[in-house]
Amino acid sequence: METMLNVTVNGTIHQYPYGTTYRAIAAEFQENYPHQILLVNRDGKLRELQKAVKRDCSLSMVTAADKPGRQTYERSAILLMLKAFYDVVGREQVEHVRVEFSLSNALFCRARGSFTLDDALLHRIEDRMRELVRQVLPIEKQSVDIEDAAAFLTENGMEDKARLLKYRISSRVNLYTLDGFTDYFYGYMVPDTGYLQWFALELFEDGFILRLPSLEEPEQVGKFTPSMKVFQAMHDAEDRSAAMYISNVGEMDDMIAEGNATQLILAHEALMEKRVGDIAEEIARRKDVRFVMIAGPSSSGKTTFSHRLSTQLMACGLRPHPIATDNYFRNREDTPRDANGQYDFEGLGAMDVEQFNSDMSRLLKGETVDMPTFNFKKGVREYNGEKLTLGDGDVLVIEGIHCLNDEFSHSLPKESKYKIYISCLTTLNIDDHNRIPTTDARLLRRIERDARTRGYGAQATIKMWPSVRRGEEQNIFPYQDSADTVFNSSLIYETALLKPYVQPLLFGVPRGSDEYLEAKRLLKFLDYFLPVPADDVPQTSLMREFVGGGIYKT
């Protein structure tokens, strides 16, 4: 007699035979969802659609408009692109194809080998991708002994992946195969190529881009409107890391395992300090600059960067004065509210723009100005006798969310402002085909800092993260190309540093909570890294803003 299982979907119990695939179950509910179902959440655990139900459970559907679904689509599209690339060019002609970083609804990739990367070649590869999609070929998953997997990857020219497996504790790993092409991927896949309808390949700079849908519109290729300054910063960081023989996590783990963690840390700290010094020298050369305006997304290290930049400005003969734009918040009663009736502290309307411009303009004229302090407990701006006058060589170092938006400093002459966009633009990837999103690096920083300075658990930080990201999309990212320079605050060793701090916090996220899946994904990601000791990190390091113990008050 056939065994029937109780499967609860959207609060209603349905019965299915033992061994029914999640894909078959998802097909029955697809019409209730505006976007394609790509995974299921079974009792708090993500499952691929090709898996089968083997016990009573509760299911919720994960679509291409959900973050795990979007990540699954991207990962599967990379496998499709690689398969087509090798088919068209010939495996023996390819030295490597690297997926380096994301850029405006696309992935920037570079390839090397005995071929010419041009429009004609990319058209042939894209045509091959579409042919594979039309064939609806299965993406097959197999669990392999880790030593056998490492041997296979080495034989097939994937030493970056084989090196990584040396540091895996588990005895088996999952490999994915598409029409004879096998690769190792970190995360889930769609069942077959028929799910991968939306993509495009285009030449871009010294590589190419794989364009993909956005999270908001998953049934069409997203707009490609890249920030060229951010691209250049990430491209330069990628090249610097490769020049130091660390282009993936496996190479970094090798250095740590060989006892060279301190050398790794100090070398990358020196690179960052040189970059800070270069920016200070450029500011000093611009004799009209009186306002250094710094903005960037959450957990970019703005506070420590502004301290270190001030030190370098002093070395250039200037006298920096910090100004916190938070002191120009409107009084609480005058703060606008959002659509939900909550105070909107992140919009430009929350700032007393006219008072800021009046004070800065008077300072620029040489007048003495009473400087405000915002009392966050009372929700009012106060004046406590602090006065400021700008003399020769004085510059204001101003940090705030709106500092790149010229509406915020509309009365100040353009030549008096030097604008800096700072962000943690990580370019270290797990391997050639598995990238690390820059937002993951910032989220890990934020989880640790929130726990240390605010008493928040990881669950609270993960819960508020989408709201933080929406504010950045509205108030920071649109203005990043208006900056005079982009400062990349990412340090190649930082995830290895954060691992022992963040792991216990992530384990504290309750199973079954909305934040559990994200916590579990981050824990799996951290497994790839060997830890480095905080004792080796300089007291002036930007990372001290997140792990504590630095000389700067953060």
Protein backbone atom coordinates (compact mmCIF):
# COMPACT_ATOMS: atom_id res chain seq x y z
CA MET A 1 0.00 0.00 0.00
CA GLU A 2 1.29 3.45 -0.93
CA THR A 3 2.46 5.56 2.02
CA MET A 4 0.75 8.96 2.11
CA LEU A 5 2.32 11.96 3.83
CA ASN A 6 0.71 15.09 5.26
CA VAL A 7 2.24 18.21 3.74
CA THR A 8 1.05 21.59 5.03
CA VAL A 9 1.21 24.36 2.42
CA ASN A 10 0.00 27.86 3.28
CA GLY A 11 -1.78 26.56 6.38
CA THR A 12 -3.70 23.79 4.59
CA ILE A 13 -2.87 20.08 4.87
CA HIS A 14 -2.45 18.18 1.61
CA GLN A 15 -1.62 14.52 1.13
CA TYR A 16 1.09 13.29 -1.23
CA PRO A 17 2.64 9.86 -1.82
CA TYR A 18 6.02 9.20 -0.24
CA GLY A 19 8.74 10.26 -2.71
CA THR A 20 6.76 13.00 -4.49
CA THR A 21 9.20 15.66 -5.68
CA TYR A 22 8.97 19.17 -4.35
CA ARG A 23 8.86 20.25 -7.98
CA ALA A 24 5.61 18.37 -8.48
CA ILE A 25 4.13 19.92 -5.35
CA ALA A 26 5.32 23.41 -6.35
CA ALA A 27 3.68 23.01 -9.76
CA GLU A 28 0.28 22.66 -8.09
CA PHE A 29 0.71 26.03 -6.35
CA GLN A 30 2.59 27.99 -9.03
CA GLU A 31 -0.55 29.80 -10.20
CA ASN A 32 -0.83 31.40 -6.75
CA TYR A 33 2.57 33.06 -7.11
CA PRO A 34 3.40 35.88 -9.56
CA HIS A 35 6.99 34.66 -9.92
CA GLN A 36 8.65 31.35 -10.66
CA ILE A 37 9.08 28.96 -7.72
CA LEU A 38 12.73 27.93 -7.52
CA LEU A 39 13.07 26.31 -4.07
CA VAL A 40 10.92 25.24 -1.14
CA ASN A 41 11.39 25.96 2.54
CA ARG A 42 10.73 22.70 4.38
CA ASP A 43 10.38 23.27 8.10
CA GLY A 44 13.03 26.01 8.08
CA LYS A 45 15.41 24.29 5.66
CA LEU A 46 15.78 25.18 2.00
CA ARG A 47 15.37 22.26 -0.37
CA GLU A 48 15.95 21.98 -4.10
CA LEU A 49 12.92 21.15 -6.20
CA GLN A 50 14.42 17.90 -7.48
CA LYS A 51 14.41 16.52 -3.92
CA ALA A 52 11.51 14.41 -2.68
CA VAL A 53 9.23 14.58 0.34
CA LYS A 54 9.89 11.70 2.74
CA ARG A 55 8.05 12.70 5.91
CA ASP A 56 5.19 14.86 7.14
CA CYS A 57 6.23 18.51 6.90
CA SER A 58 5.28 22.11 6.26
CA LEU A 59 6.33 23.82 3.04
CA SER A 60 6.53 27.41 1.89
CA MET A 61 7.49 28.40 -1.62
CA VAL A 62 10.62 30.40 -2.50
CA THR A 63 10.39 32.36 -5.75
CA ALA A 64 12.79 34.30 -7.93
CA ALA A 65 11.64 37.45 -6.10
CA ASP A 66 13.00 36.12 -2.78
CA LYS A 67 16.67 36.51 -1.92
CA PRO A 68 17.45 32.74 -1.73
CA GLY A 69 15.62 32.25 -5.02
CA ARG A 70 17.54 35.08 -6.69
CA GLN A 71 20.82 33.59 -5.47
CA THR A 72 19.79 30.18 -6.83
CA TYR A 73 18.98 31.68 -10.23
CA GLU A 74 22.33 33.51 -10.37
CA ARG A 75 24.30 30.41 -9.37
CA SER A 76 22.52 28.26 -11.97
CA ALA A 77 23.03 30.90 -14.67
CA ILE A 78 26.77 30.88 -13.94
CA LEU A 79 26.85 27.10 -14.44
CA LEU A 80 24.96 27.53 -17.72
CA MET A 81 27.37 30.24 -18.90
CA LEU A 82 30.45 28.16 -18.02
CA LYS A 83 29.10 25.09 -19.80
CA ALA A 84 28.39 27.16 -22.93
CA PHE A 85 31.79 28.92 -22.74
CA TYR A 86 33.68 25.62 -22.66
CA ASP A 87 31.46 24.15 -25.40
CA VAL A 88 32.12 27.04 -27.76
CA VAL A 89 35.79 27.74 -27.05
CA GLY A 90 36.93 24.23 -26.21
CA ARG A 91 38.04 23.25 -22.74
CA GLU A 92 41.67 22.83 -23.74
CA GLN A 93 41.73 26.44 -24.96
CA VAL A 94 40.52 27.96 -21.67
CA GLU A 95 42.96 28.84 -18.90
CA HIS A 96 40.22 30.19 -16.66
CA VAL A 97 36.86 31.96 -16.57
CA ARG A 98 36.45 34.00 -13.38
CA VAL A 99 33.25 35.48 -11.98
CA GLU A 100 34.74 38.42 -10.11
CA PHE A 101 32.04 40.69 -8.67
CA SER A 102 28.51 42.01 -9.14
CA LEU A 103 27.83 45.25 -10.93
CA SER A 104 24.35 46.69 -11.51
CA ASN A 105 22.24 43.55 -12.13
CA ALA A 106 25.21 41.84 -13.75
CA LEU A 107 28.31 39.83 -12.92
CA PHE A 108 31.68 41.06 -14.16
CA CYS A 109 33.79 38.20 -15.48
CA ARG A 110 37.25 37.84 -16.98
CA ALA A 111 38.56 34.98 -19.09
CA ARG A 112 42.01 33.94 -20.24
CA GLY A 113 43.12 31.38 -22.80
CA SER A 114 43.86 30.76 -26.46
CA PHE A 115 40.94 32.76 -27.82
CA THR A 116 39.93 36.34 -28.57
CA LEU A 117 37.20 37.68 -26.32
CA ASP A 118 35.04 39.80 -28.63
CA ASP A 119 31.40 40.41 -29.53
CA ALA A 120 31.36 37.54 -32.01
CA LEU A 121 32.55 35.04 -29.43
CA LEU A 122 30.07 36.25 -26.79
CA HIS A 123 27.21 36.01 -29.32
CA ARG A 124 28.15 32.38 -29.99
CA ILE A 125 28.33 31.63 -26.25
CA GLU A 126 24.97 33.29 -25.58
CA ASP A 127 23.40 31.38 -28.49
CA ARG A 128 24.75 28.15 -26.98
CA MET A 129 23.27 29.10 -23.60
CA ARG A 130 19.86 29.61 -25.20
CA GLU A 131 20.16 26.29 -27.02
CA LEU A 132 20.84 24.55 -23.69
CA VAL A 133 17.80 26.29 -22.19
CA ARG A 134 15.57 25.11 -25.05
CA GLN A 135 16.75 21.54 -24.47
CA VAL A 136 15.58 21.69 -20.82
CA LEU A 137 18.59 19.73 -19.63
CA PRO A 138 18.70 18.49 -16.02
CA ILE A 139 21.17 19.97 -13.52
CA GLU A 140 22.24 16.88 -11.62
CA LYS A 141 23.59 16.88 -8.08
CA GLN A 142 25.79 14.19 -6.61
CA SER A 143 27.42 13.76 -3.22
CA VAL A 144 31.09 12.84 -3.66
CA ASP A 145 33.86 11.82 -1.28
CA ILE A 146 35.89 14.96 -0.65
CA GLU A 147 39.20 13.39 -1.71
CA ASP A 148 37.67 12.09 -4.94
CA ALA A 149 36.16 15.53 -5.58
CA ALA A 150 39.52 17.26 -5.04
CA ALA A 151 41.24 14.83 -7.42
CA PHE A 152 38.55 15.37 -10.06
CA LEU A 153 38.73 19.15 -9.79
CA THR A 154 42.53 19.14 -10.01
CA GLU A 155 42.44 16.94 -13.11
CA ASN A 156 40.00 19.36 -14.74
CA GLY A 157 42.04 22.51 -14.08
CA MET A 158 40.04 23.75 -11.09
CA GLU A 159 42.89 23.95 -8.58
CA ASP A 160 41.21 26.89 -6.83
CA LYS A 161 38.33 24.63 -5.82
CA ALA A 162 40.54 21.64 -4.96
CA ARG A 163 42.65 23.87 -2.69
CA LEU A 164 39.51 25.06 -0.90
CA LEU A 165 38.40 21.51 -0.15
CA LYS A 166 41.55 20.91 1.90
CA TYR A 167 39.97 23.02 4.64
CA ARG A 168 36.50 21.43 4.60
CA ILE A 169 35.71 19.38 7.71
CA SER A 170 32.92 17.34 6.09
CA SER A 171 33.86 14.09 4.35
CA ARG A 172 31.64 14.66 1.32
CA VAL A 173 30.80 17.58 -0.97
CA ASN A 174 28.16 18.22 -3.63
CA LEU A 175 29.09 18.53 -7.29
CA TYR A 176 26.70 19.69 -10.01
CA THR A 177 26.69 18.39 -13.59
CA LEU A 178 25.10 19.94 -16.67
CA ASP A 179 25.34 17.89 -19.86
CA GLY A 180 28.73 16.43 -18.95
CA PHE A 181 30.18 19.60 -17.41
CA THR A 182 30.80 19.18 -13.67
CA ASP A 183 31.65 21.92 -11.16
CA TYR A 184 31.57 22.69 -7.43
CA PHE A 185 29.13 25.36 -6.27
CA TYR A 186 28.34 26.88 -2.90
CA GLY A 187 24.54 26.76 -2.65
CA TYR A 188 21.44 25.47 -4.37
CA MET A 189 20.54 25.04 -8.06
CA VAL A 190 17.37 24.99 -10.17
CA PRO A 191 16.30 21.55 -11.47
CA ASP A 192 16.99 22.15 -15.16
CA THR A 193 18.02 24.73 -17.74
CA GLY A 194 14.39 25.46 -18.66
CA TYR A 195 14.19 27.70 -15.57
CA LEU A 196 16.93 30.02 -16.93
CA GLN A 197 15.14 32.19 -19.46
CA TRP A 198 16.53 35.64 -18.72
CA PHE A 199 20.18 36.57 -19.27
CA ALA A 200 22.53 38.35 -21.70
CA LEU A 201 26.26 38.52 -22.35
CA GLU A 202 28.08 41.75 -23.25
CA LEU A 203 31.66 42.92 -23.54
CA PHE A 204 32.62 45.30 -20.74
CA GLU A 205 36.00 46.92 -20.17
CA ASP A 206 38.67 44.16 -20.09
CA GLY A 207 36.13 41.38 -19.56
CA PHE A 208 32.46 40.70 -20.04
CA ILE A 209 29.25 40.85 -18.06
CA LEU A 210 26.58 38.24 -17.48
CA ARG A 211 23.40 40.28 -17.17
CA LEU A 212 20.65 38.86 -14.98
CA PRO A 213 17.20 39.85 -13.65
CA SER A 214 16.78 42.09 -10.64
CA LEU A 215 15.12 40.91 -7.45
CA GLU A 216 12.25 43.33 -8.10
CA GLU A 217 11.62 42.19 -11.70
CA PRO A 218 12.78 38.57 -11.96
CA GLU A 219 11.18 37.86 -15.36
CA GLN A 220 13.35 40.21 -17.41
CA VAL A 221 17.01 41.14 -17.72
CA GLY A 222 17.71 44.00 -15.30
CA LYS A 223 18.95 47.42 -16.32
CA PHE A 224 22.71 47.81 -16.49
CA THR A 225 23.66 51.24 -15.15
CA PRO A 226 27.02 50.70 -13.46
CA SER A 227 28.94 53.14 -11.32
CA MET A 228 32.23 53.35 -13.19
CA LYS A 229 34.07 54.71 -10.15
CA VAL A 230 32.93 51.77 -8.02
CA PHE A 231 33.82 49.39 -10.84
CA GLN A 232 37.32 50.83 -11.06
CA ALA A 233 37.80 50.55 -7.29
CA MET A 234 36.76 46.89 -7.33
CA HIS A 235 38.78 46.13 -10.45
CA ASP A 236 41.90 47.68 -8.89
CA ALA A 237 41.39 45.74 -5.65
CA GLU A 238 41.00 42.50 -7.60
CA ASP A 239 44.26 43.12 -9.42
CA ARG A 240 46.12 44.07 -6.21
CA SER A 241 45.00 40.88 -4.51
CA ALA A 242 46.02 38.77 -7.48
CA ALA A 243 49.44 40.45 -7.49
CA MET A 244 49.82 39.35 -3.86
CA TYR A 245 48.78 35.79 -4.83
CA ILE A 246 45.48 35.88 -2.98
CA SER A 247 42.55 35.81 -5.37
CA ASN A 248 40.37 33.31 -3.51
CA VAL A 249 39.68 31.92 -0.04
CA GLY A 250 41.74 28.77 -0.61
CA GLU A 251 44.89 30.80 -1.28
CA MET A 252 44.27 32.86 1.86
CA ASP A 253 43.66 29.74 3.94
CA ASP A 254 47.00 28.41 2.70
CA MET A 255 48.76 31.53 3.99
CA ILE A 256 47.05 31.30 7.37
CA ALA A 257 47.76 27.57 7.69
CA GLU A 258 51.44 28.21 6.89
CA GLY A 259 51.69 30.71 9.75
CA ASN A 260 51.76 33.83 7.60
CA ALA A 261 48.58 35.51 8.91
CA THR A 262 50.46 38.44 10.44
CA GLN A 263 52.30 39.15 7.19
CA LEU A 264 48.98 38.98 5.31
CA ILE A 265 47.31 41.43 7.71
CA LEU A 266 50.15 43.95 7.78
CA ALA A 267 50.58 43.93 4.00
CA HIS A 268 46.92 44.77 3.40
CA GLU A 269 46.85 47.32 6.21
CA ALA A 270 49.84 49.02 4.55
CA LEU A 271 47.99 49.10 1.23
CA MET A 272 45.01 50.75 2.90
CA GLU A 273 47.13 53.30 4.75
CA LYS A 274 48.85 54.25 1.50
CA ARG A 275 45.48 54.79 -0.14
CA VAL A 276 44.34 57.03 2.76
CA GLY A 277 47.57 59.00 2.46
CA ASP A 278 47.12 59.39 -1.30
CA ILE A 279 43.65 60.86 -0.77
CA ALA A 280 44.97 63.28 1.87
CA GLU A 281 47.71 64.45 -0.50
CA GLU A 282 45.18 65.02 -3.27
CA ILE A 283 43.01 67.10 -0.93
CA ALA A 284 46.05 69.13 0.15
CA ARG A 285 46.89 69.85 -3.49
CA ARG A 286 43.43 71.33 -4.05
CA LYS A 287 43.93 74.62 -2.27
CA ASP A 288 40.26 75.63 -2.43
CA VAL A 289 38.98 72.55 -0.56
CA ARG A 290 37.57 73.37 2.87
CA PHE A 291 34.93 70.64 3.19
CA VAL A 292 35.78 66.96 2.99
CA MET A 293 32.42 65.20 2.63
CA ILE A 294 32.29 61.46 3.39
CA ALA A 295 29.33 59.15 2.76
CA GLY A 296 28.83 55.43 2.40
CA PRO A 297 26.48 52.59 3.28
CA SER A 298 26.14 50.97 6.69
CA SER A 299 29.23 49.32 8.19
CA SER A 300 31.63 50.79 5.66
CA GLY A 301 33.97 51.99 8.38
CA LYS A 302 33.23 55.70 7.93
CA THR A 303 34.14 56.65 11.50
CA THR A 304 37.59 55.07 11.57
CA PHE A 305 38.30 56.20 8.02
CA SER A 306 37.53 59.81 8.93
CA HIS A 307 39.96 59.57 11.89
CA ARG A 308 42.71 58.06 9.77
CA LEU A 309 42.15 60.59 7.01
CA SER A 310 42.34 63.41 9.56
CA THR A 311 45.70 62.09 10.74
CA GLN A 312 46.99 62.02 7.18
CA LEU A 313 45.64 65.52 6.52
CA MET A 314 47.60 66.75 9.54
CA ALA A 315 50.70 65.12 8.05
CA CYS A 316 50.03 67.20 4.93
CA GLY A 317 50.01 70.43 6.96
CA LEU A 318 46.24 70.84 7.28
CA ARG A 319 44.12 71.20 10.43
CA PRO A 320 41.05 68.92 10.21
CA HIS A 321 37.90 69.49 12.28
CA PRO A 322 35.25 66.76 12.47
CA ILE A 323 31.63 67.70 11.83
CA ALA A 324 28.82 65.19 12.41
CA THR A 325 25.83 65.85 10.18
CA ASP A 326 23.69 64.08 12.81
CA ASN A 327 23.88 67.36 14.74
CA TYR A 328 21.79 68.93 11.98
CA PHE A 329 18.79 66.66 12.40
CA ARG A 330 15.50 68.50 12.59
CA ASN A 331 13.87 68.51 16.01
CA ARG A 332 11.89 65.31 16.50
CA GLU A 333 8.54 67.09 16.23
CA ASP A 334 9.53 68.44 12.80
CA THR A 335 10.83 65.12 11.45
CA PRO A 336 8.81 63.77 8.50
CA ARG A 337 7.16 60.38 8.69
CA ASP A 338 7.18 57.54 6.19
CA ALA A 339 4.21 55.73 4.65
CA ASN A 340 3.86 53.61 7.80
CA GLY A 341 3.69 56.63 10.07
CA GLN A 342 7.19 56.06 11.46
CA TYR A 343 9.79 58.81 11.67
CA ASP A 344 11.92 58.83 8.52
CA PHE A 345 15.37 59.61 9.90
CA GLU A 346 17.22 58.58 6.73
CA GLY A 347 15.57 60.86 4.17
CA LEU A 348 16.95 64.30 3.37
CA GLY A 349 13.80 65.81 4.89
CA ALA A 350 15.00 64.75 8.34
CA MET A 351 17.93 67.18 8.03
CA ASP A 352 17.86 70.93 8.64
CA VAL A 353 19.47 71.57 5.27
CA GLU A 354 19.15 75.35 5.43
CA GLN A 355 20.77 75.63 8.85
CA PHE A 356 23.64 73.41 7.73
CA ASN A 357 24.21 75.51 4.63
CA SER A 358 23.97 78.75 6.58
CA ASP A 359 26.55 77.59 9.13
CA MET A 360 28.96 76.19 6.52
CA SER A 361 28.70 79.31 4.34
CA ARG A 362 29.47 81.56 7.30
CA LEU A 363 32.47 79.40 8.20
CA LEU A 364 33.69 79.64 4.62
CA LYS A 365 33.56 83.45 4.93
CA GLY A 366 35.73 83.33 8.06
CA GLU A 367 32.93 84.02 10.53
CA THR A 368 32.68 82.41 13.96
CA VAL A 369 29.74 80.01 14.21
CA ASP A 370 27.95 78.48 17.19
CA MET A 371 28.01 74.73 16.45
CA PRO A 372 25.00 72.60 17.40
CA THR A 373 24.79 69.27 19.18
CA PHE A 374 21.77 67.02 18.72
CA ASN A 375 20.34 65.59 21.92
CA PHE A 376 18.98 62.22 20.78
CA LYS A 377 17.30 61.49 24.12
CA LYS A 378 15.26 64.70 23.97
CA GLY A 379 15.04 64.79 20.18
CA VAL A 380 16.15 68.42 19.94
CA ARG A 381 19.13 70.37 18.65
CA GLU A 382 21.05 72.20 21.39
CA TYR A 383 23.78 74.83 21.58
CA ASN A 384 26.31 74.31 24.36
CA GLY A 385 28.82 77.08 23.69
CA GLU A 386 30.93 75.24 21.09
CA LYS A 387 32.25 77.76 18.57
CA LEU A 388 34.27 77.28 15.37
CA THR A 389 36.19 79.59 13.07
CA LEU A 390 38.01 78.46 9.93
CA GLY A 391 41.53 79.79 9.45
CA ASP A 392 44.13 79.13 6.79
CA GLY A 393 44.80 75.40 6.53
CA ASP A 394 41.60 74.45 8.37
CA VAL A 395 39.36 71.86 6.72
CA LEU A 396 36.10 70.34 7.93
CA VAL A 397 35.83 66.55 7.76
CA ILE A 398 32.10 65.93 7.46
CA GLU A 399 30.61 62.44 7.65
CA GLY A 400 26.95 61.69 6.96
CA ILE A 401 24.49 59.78 4.85
CA HIS A 402 23.72 62.73 2.55
CA CYS A 403 27.21 64.13 2.07
CA LEU A 404 27.38 63.15 -1.62
CA ASN A 405 24.01 64.73 -2.37
CA ASP A 406 24.58 68.30 -3.58
CA GLU A 407 21.10 69.25 -2.37
CA PHE A 408 22.42 68.84 1.16
CA SER A 409 25.30 71.29 0.61
CA HIS A 410 23.70 73.36 -2.16
CA SER A 411 25.11 76.73 -1.11
CA LEU A 412 28.75 75.64 -0.97
CA PRO A 413 30.93 76.22 -4.04
CA LYS A 414 31.81 73.04 -5.87
CA GLU A 415 35.53 73.71 -5.64
CA SER A 416 35.30 73.97 -1.83
CA LYS A 417 34.09 70.36 -1.53
CA TYR A 418 35.99 67.11 -1.86
CA LYS A 419 33.54 64.20 -1.79
CA ILE A 420 34.50 60.65 -0.82
CA TYR A 421 32.34 57.58 -1.30
CA ILE A 422 33.40 54.78 1.06
CA SER A 423 32.18 51.21 0.90
CA CYS A 424 33.32 47.71 1.76
CA LEU A 425 33.83 46.40 -1.78
CA THR A 426 35.14 42.92 -1.18
CA THR A 427 36.75 41.24 -4.17
CA LEU A 428 37.93 38.08 -2.42
CA ASN A 429 35.86 35.19 -3.73
CA ILE A 430 35.41 31.63 -2.54
CA ASP A 431 36.78 30.39 -5.85
CA ASP A 432 36.71 31.34 -9.53
CA HIS A 433 32.98 30.63 -9.87
CA ASN A 434 31.58 31.37 -6.39
CA ARG A 435 31.65 35.03 -5.48
CA ILE A 436 31.21 36.73 -2.11
CA PRO A 437 28.59 39.52 -2.24
CA THR A 438 29.84 42.84 -0.84
CA THR A 439 26.66 43.10 1.21
CA ASP A 440 27.62 39.90 3.07
CA ALA A 441 30.87 41.48 4.23
CA ARG A 442 29.02 44.54 5.53
CA LEU A 443 26.33 42.44 7.21
CA LEU A 444 28.95 40.43 9.11
CA ARG A 445 30.56 43.68 10.27
CA ARG A 446 27.19 45.03 11.36
CA ILE A 447 26.21 41.86 13.27
CA GLU A 448 29.38 41.97 15.36
CA ARG A 449 29.27 45.71 16.01
CA ASP A 450 25.57 45.70 16.93
CA ALA A 451 26.18 42.90 19.42
CA ARG A 452 29.19 44.63 20.98
CA THR A 453 27.95 48.23 21.10
CA ARG A 454 24.15 47.98 21.15
CA GLY A 455 23.43 44.61 22.72
CA TYR A 456 21.52 43.40 19.65
CA GLY A 457 21.46 39.72 18.72
CA ALA A 458 22.17 38.58 15.17
CA GLN A 459 18.47 37.99 14.63
CA ALA A 460 17.66 41.67 15.22
CA THR A 461 20.42 42.85 12.87
CA ILE A 462 19.39 40.45 10.11
CA LYS A 463 15.76 41.51 10.53
CA MET A 464 16.51 45.21 10.10
CA TRP A 465 19.03 44.70 7.28
CA PRO A 466 16.50 44.92 4.37
CA SER A 467 15.29 48.27 5.71
CA VAL A 468 18.89 49.49 5.99
CA ARG A 469 19.51 48.41 2.39
CA ARG A 470 16.41 50.24 1.13
CA GLY A 471 17.63 53.46 2.76
CA GLU A 472 21.01 53.05 1.07
CA GLU A 473 19.37 52.48 -2.31
CA GLN A 474 17.44 55.72 -1.92
CA ASN A 475 19.92 58.03 -0.23
CA ILE A 476 23.48 56.86 -0.97
CA PHE A 477 23.93 54.70 -4.05
CA PRO A 478 22.40 57.19 -6.53
CA TYR A 479 25.14 59.71 -5.67
CA GLN A 480 28.23 57.48 -5.58
CA ASP A 481 29.50 58.58 -8.99
CA SER A 482 29.41 62.23 -7.92
CA ALA A 483 32.28 61.51 -5.52
CA ASP A 484 35.77 62.77 -6.29
CA THR A 485 37.11 59.40 -5.22
CA VAL A 486 35.94 55.98 -4.05
CA PHE A 487 37.61 54.47 -0.99
CA ASN A 488 37.36 50.70 -0.70
CA SER A 489 37.34 49.86 3.02
CA SER A 490 37.41 46.10 2.49
CA LEU A 491 40.34 44.21 3.99
CA ILE A 492 41.04 40.83 2.48
CA TYR A 493 41.43 39.09 5.85
CA GLU A 494 38.36 40.55 7.54
CA THR A 495 35.97 37.60 7.21
CA ALA A 496 38.62 35.33 8.73
CA LEU A 497 38.93 37.85 11.57
CA LEU A 498 35.19 38.17 12.12
CA LYS A 499 34.48 34.43 11.98
CA PRO A 500 35.02 33.58 15.70
CA TYR A 501 33.09 36.70 16.75
CA VAL A 502 30.09 36.24 14.47
CA GLN A 503 29.66 32.45 14.49
CA PRO A 504 28.27 32.23 18.05
CA LEU A 505 25.89 35.10 17.33
CA LEU A 506 24.54 33.38 14.23
CA PHE A 507 24.07 30.11 16.10
CA GLY A 508 21.86 32.10 18.47
CA VAL A 509 19.24 32.83 15.78
CA PRO A 510 16.22 30.64 16.64
CA ARG A 511 15.34 27.85 14.25
CA GLY A 512 11.97 28.57 12.67
CA SER A 513 12.40 32.34 12.80
CA ASP A 514 12.26 34.40 9.59
CA GLU A 515 15.95 35.18 10.01
CA TYR A 516 17.09 31.57 10.48
CA LEU A 517 17.71 30.81 6.79
CA GLU A 518 19.95 33.84 6.38
CA ALA A 519 21.85 32.98 9.55
CA LYS A 520 22.35 29.42 8.35
CA ARG A 521 23.58 30.62 4.94
CA LEU A 522 26.13 32.89 6.60
CA LEU A 523 27.31 30.07 8.88
CA LYS A 524 27.87 27.83 5.88
CA PHE A 525 29.78 30.63 4.18
CA LEU A 526 32.02 31.15 7.23
CA ASP A 527 32.98 27.47 7.18
CA TYR A 528 35.29 28.16 4.24
CA PHE A 529 37.55 30.45 6.27
CA LEU A 530 40.36 29.67 8.67
CA PRO A 531 40.29 32.24 11.50
CA VAL A 532 42.99 34.83 12.14
CA PRO A 533 43.67 36.17 15.66
CA ALA A 534 42.61 39.70 16.54
CA ASP A 535 45.92 40.19 18.36
CA ASP A 536 47.62 40.51 14.98
CA VAL A 537 45.38 43.39 13.87
CA PRO A 538 46.86 46.90 14.41
CA GLN A 539 45.12 49.21 16.87
CA THR A 540 44.65 51.75 14.06
CA SER A 541 42.98 49.23 11.75
CA LEU A 542 39.60 50.07 10.31
CA MET A 543 38.49 46.61 11.49
CA ARG A 544 38.86 47.79 15.11
CA GLU A 545 35.62 49.69 14.54
CA PHE A 546 33.92 46.28 14.39
CA VAL A 547 35.87 44.04 16.78
CA GLY A 548 36.88 46.68 19.33
CA GLY A 549 40.17 47.51 20.99
CA GLY A 550 41.27 50.27 18.64
CA ILE A 551 42.64 53.67 19.53
CA TYR A 552 39.76 55.50 17.86
CA LYS A 553 36.46 55.97 19.65
CA THR A 554 33.76 54.35 17.52
